[in-house]
Amino acid sequence: MKSKKWWIVLWLLAFFAGSVMFAGGVMLERWRSEQIDFYNAGITAHQAGNTEQAVEMFDRSLNAYQRALQARWLERFVYPRPNTELAARASFHKGMALIMAQQAEPAVAALVLSLRLNPGAGRAYYADDAARLNELALVVKYNLELLFNQRPDLAQSQGAGRRPGDGSGQPQRVPGQNPGSMPGPGNRDDL
């Protein structure tokens, strides 16, 4: 009689564990990333020329990224990690939308945030990822330098030319002095 109770207890534990795993699988199957959804909505609005809505959607994507970083341990265990590369892309596209809206100061802040999130290939595990991250960082730097070239006052406000020293050596290059040797399509002085 005792062994029969153990089998019932084991069967109930297995049933409970299976039910929990099944419920978790259903939750994961139905889970959607707010970060990705808002990013996609921002790209759609940006392509349609609606810069205000694009900036709002990119902001929401970045906020979803920050919320996911501060999630409780169970949520971090069950759900996928927030995507830092996508957050860097959202910040970059937000900066470009702000440039289109003639809002240079917030555009600089968005581009700098993009570079903070993705400084280049240093955080990549695979060569393909490294090349992609490095390319994105170079595009952000190039656009930031073009913006500094058009608005030197913004370059000065970012701390360029404030290097302490004894006066010897080469002067520090101010952002915007040389935006790069490979311009994109169009006029290199025009954003």
Protein backbone atom coordinates (compact mmCIF):
# COMPACT_ATOMS: atom_id res chain seq x y z
CA MET A 1 0.00 0.00 0.00
CA LYS A 2 2.91 2.31 0.77
CA SER A 3 4.45 1.92 -2.67
CA LYS A 4 1.12 2.79 -4.29
CA LYS A 5 1.08 6.15 -2.44
CA TRP A 6 4.56 6.96 -3.71
CA TRP A 7 3.51 6.29 -7.29
CA ILE A 8 0.50 8.56 -6.89
CA VAL A 9 2.66 11.31 -5.38
CA LEU A 10 5.24 10.96 -8.18
CA TRP A 11 2.52 10.97 -10.81
CA LEU A 12 0.99 14.15 -9.30
CA LEU A 13 4.40 15.86 -9.19
CA ALA A 14 5.09 14.90 -12.80
CA PHE A 15 1.64 16.12 -13.83
CA PHE A 16 2.18 19.42 -11.99
CA ALA A 17 5.66 19.92 -13.50
CA GLY A 18 4.35 19.12 -16.97
CA SER A 19 1.45 21.54 -16.53
CA VAL A 20 3.82 24.31 -15.45
CA MET A 21 6.11 23.65 -18.42
CA PHE A 22 3.16 23.57 -20.82
CA ALA A 23 1.80 26.86 -19.43
CA GLY A 24 5.27 28.41 -19.74
CA GLY A 25 5.51 27.24 -23.34
CA VAL A 26 2.13 28.76 -24.15
CA MET A 27 3.20 32.04 -22.53
CA LEU A 28 6.42 32.08 -24.55
CA GLU A 29 4.58 31.28 -27.76
CA ARG A 30 2.22 34.20 -27.23
CA TRP A 31 4.90 36.59 -25.94
CA ARG A 32 5.73 39.61 -28.07
CA SER A 33 8.57 42.00 -27.54
CA GLU A 34 7.37 45.57 -27.05
CA GLN A 35 10.86 46.73 -27.97
CA ILE A 36 10.64 45.09 -31.40
CA ASP A 37 7.01 46.10 -32.00
CA PHE A 38 7.68 49.78 -31.24
CA TYR A 39 10.88 49.73 -33.30
CA ASN A 40 9.00 48.33 -36.30
CA ALA A 41 6.26 50.95 -35.87
CA GLY A 42 8.93 53.66 -35.73
CA ILE A 43 10.55 52.43 -38.93
CA THR A 44 7.17 52.37 -40.67
CA ALA A 45 6.37 55.92 -39.52
CA HIS A 46 9.86 57.13 -40.49
CA GLN A 47 9.54 55.66 -43.99
CA ALA A 48 6.11 57.27 -44.34
CA GLY A 49 7.64 60.66 -43.46
CA ASN A 50 5.82 61.01 -40.13
CA THR A 51 8.78 62.13 -38.03
CA GLU A 52 6.84 62.97 -34.85
CA GLN A 53 5.28 59.53 -34.66
CA ALA A 54 8.62 57.92 -35.58
CA VAL A 55 10.40 59.71 -32.73
CA GLU A 56 7.63 58.68 -30.32
CA MET A 57 7.80 55.02 -31.38
CA PHE A 58 11.60 54.94 -31.13
CA ASP A 59 11.32 56.48 -27.65
CA ARG A 60 8.83 53.78 -26.68
CA SER A 61 11.18 51.11 -28.01
CA LEU A 62 14.05 52.53 -25.94
CA ASN A 63 11.79 52.68 -22.86
CA ALA A 64 10.76 49.06 -23.38
CA TYR A 65 14.47 48.17 -23.57
CA GLN A 66 15.14 49.94 -20.26
CA ARG A 67 12.15 48.27 -18.58
CA ALA A 68 13.28 44.85 -19.78
CA LEU A 69 16.75 45.46 -18.36
CA GLN A 70 15.19 46.08 -14.95
CA ALA A 71 12.86 43.08 -15.02
CA ARG A 72 12.55 40.70 -12.10
CA TRP A 73 14.68 37.56 -12.05
CA LEU A 74 11.84 35.26 -13.09
CA GLU A 75 11.05 37.36 -16.16
CA ARG A 76 14.75 37.47 -17.07
CA PHE A 77 14.87 33.68 -16.69
CA VAL A 78 11.77 32.96 -18.79
CA TYR A 79 11.77 35.63 -21.50
CA PRO A 80 14.51 36.54 -23.99
CA ARG A 81 16.97 39.27 -23.14
CA PRO A 82 16.34 42.80 -24.43
CA ASN A 83 18.23 43.50 -27.63
CA THR A 84 20.99 46.09 -27.20
CA GLU A 85 21.70 46.26 -30.93
CA LEU A 86 18.04 47.03 -31.61
CA ALA A 87 18.12 49.75 -28.94
CA ALA A 88 21.18 51.27 -30.63
CA ARG A 89 19.40 51.16 -33.99
CA ALA A 90 16.27 52.75 -32.48
CA SER A 91 18.35 55.55 -31.03
CA PHE A 92 20.14 56.05 -34.37
CA HIS A 93 16.87 56.21 -36.33
CA LYS A 94 15.43 58.55 -33.70
CA GLY A 95 18.42 60.83 -34.24
CA MET A 96 17.96 60.76 -38.00
CA ALA A 97 14.23 61.55 -37.64
CA LEU A 98 15.11 64.47 -35.36
CA ILE A 99 17.59 65.74 -37.94
CA MET A 100 14.80 65.63 -40.54
CA ALA A 101 12.63 67.61 -38.09
CA GLN A 102 15.41 70.23 -37.75
CA GLN A 103 15.96 69.44 -34.04
CA ALA A 104 19.74 69.21 -33.86
CA GLU A 105 20.32 69.17 -30.08
CA PRO A 106 18.08 66.16 -29.34
CA ALA A 107 19.46 64.48 -32.47
CA VAL A 108 22.99 64.72 -31.08
CA ALA A 109 21.81 63.21 -27.79
CA ALA A 110 20.13 60.32 -29.64
CA LEU A 111 23.20 59.63 -31.80
CA VAL A 112 25.51 59.73 -28.77
CA LEU A 113 23.20 57.27 -26.97
CA SER A 114 23.38 55.00 -30.00
CA LEU A 115 27.17 55.04 -29.78
CA ARG A 116 27.04 54.32 -26.05
CA LEU A 117 24.81 51.31 -26.67
CA ASN A 118 26.92 50.12 -29.60
CA PRO A 119 30.50 51.43 -29.55
CA GLY A 120 31.45 49.03 -32.33
CA ALA A 121 32.56 45.44 -32.64
CA GLY A 122 33.93 45.11 -29.11
CA ARG A 123 30.85 43.37 -27.72
CA ALA A 124 30.36 40.80 -30.47
CA TYR A 125 31.04 37.08 -30.14
CA TYR A 126 30.97 36.21 -33.84
CA ALA A 127 32.75 37.79 -36.80
CA ASP A 128 29.49 38.50 -38.66
CA ASP A 129 28.08 40.27 -35.61
CA ALA A 130 31.31 42.23 -35.18
CA ALA A 131 31.23 43.46 -38.78
CA ARG A 132 27.56 44.45 -38.54
CA LEU A 133 27.98 46.27 -35.20
CA ASN A 134 31.11 48.01 -36.40
CA GLU A 135 29.37 49.18 -39.59
CA LEU A 136 26.44 50.57 -37.60
CA ALA A 137 28.79 52.43 -35.23
CA LEU A 138 30.71 53.90 -38.17
CA VAL A 139 27.49 55.10 -39.82
CA VAL A 140 26.41 56.76 -36.57
CA LYS A 141 29.82 58.41 -36.14
CA TYR A 142 29.79 59.62 -39.73
CA ASN A 143 26.32 61.16 -39.41
CA LEU A 144 27.25 62.71 -36.07
CA GLU A 145 30.34 64.28 -37.60
CA LEU A 146 28.30 65.59 -40.54
CA LEU A 147 25.94 67.18 -38.04
CA PHE A 148 28.88 68.68 -36.17
CA ASN A 149 30.24 69.97 -39.48
CA GLN A 150 26.99 71.83 -40.11
CA ARG A 151 26.63 73.01 -36.51
CA PRO A 152 30.07 73.63 -34.94
CA ASP A 153 28.39 74.99 -31.79
CA LEU A 154 27.07 71.49 -31.08
CA ALA A 155 30.56 70.05 -31.43
CA GLN A 156 31.88 72.51 -28.88
CA SER A 157 29.08 71.68 -26.46
CA GLN A 158 30.10 67.99 -26.61
CA GLY A 159 33.45 68.77 -25.02
CA ALA A 160 35.66 69.05 -28.10
CA GLY A 161 38.73 71.18 -27.56
CA ARG A 162 38.64 70.96 -23.75
CA ARG A 163 41.62 68.68 -23.33
CA PRO A 164 43.91 69.73 -20.52
CA GLY A 165 47.59 69.73 -21.30
CA ASP A 166 50.79 71.67 -21.36
CA GLY A 167 50.40 72.91 -24.93
CA SER A 168 52.75 70.41 -26.52
CA GLY A 169 51.73 67.84 -29.08
CA GLN A 170 49.04 67.88 -31.71
CA PRO A 171 45.83 69.78 -30.99
CA GLN A 172 42.76 67.66 -30.43
CA ARG A 173 40.62 67.15 -33.51
CA VAL A 174 37.26 68.84 -33.12
CA PRO A 175 34.31 66.72 -34.29
CA GLY A 176 33.14 67.92 -37.67
CA GLN A 177 36.58 68.92 -38.96
CA ASN A 178 36.91 65.79 -41.08
CA PRO A 179 33.66 63.86 -41.40
CA GLY A 180 35.28 60.95 -43.20
CA SER A 181 36.79 59.94 -46.47
CA MET A 182 33.83 57.93 -47.80
CA PRO A 183 30.69 60.04 -48.00
CA GLY A 184 27.35 58.47 -48.68
CA PRO A 185 25.11 59.34 -51.59
CA GLY A 186 24.39 63.05 -52.06
CA ASN A 187 26.25 66.12 -50.94
CA ARG A 188 28.70 65.35 -48.14
CA ASP A 189 27.97 68.69 -46.40
CA ASP A 190 24.23 68.12 -46.44
CA LEU A 191 22.28 65.90 -44.09
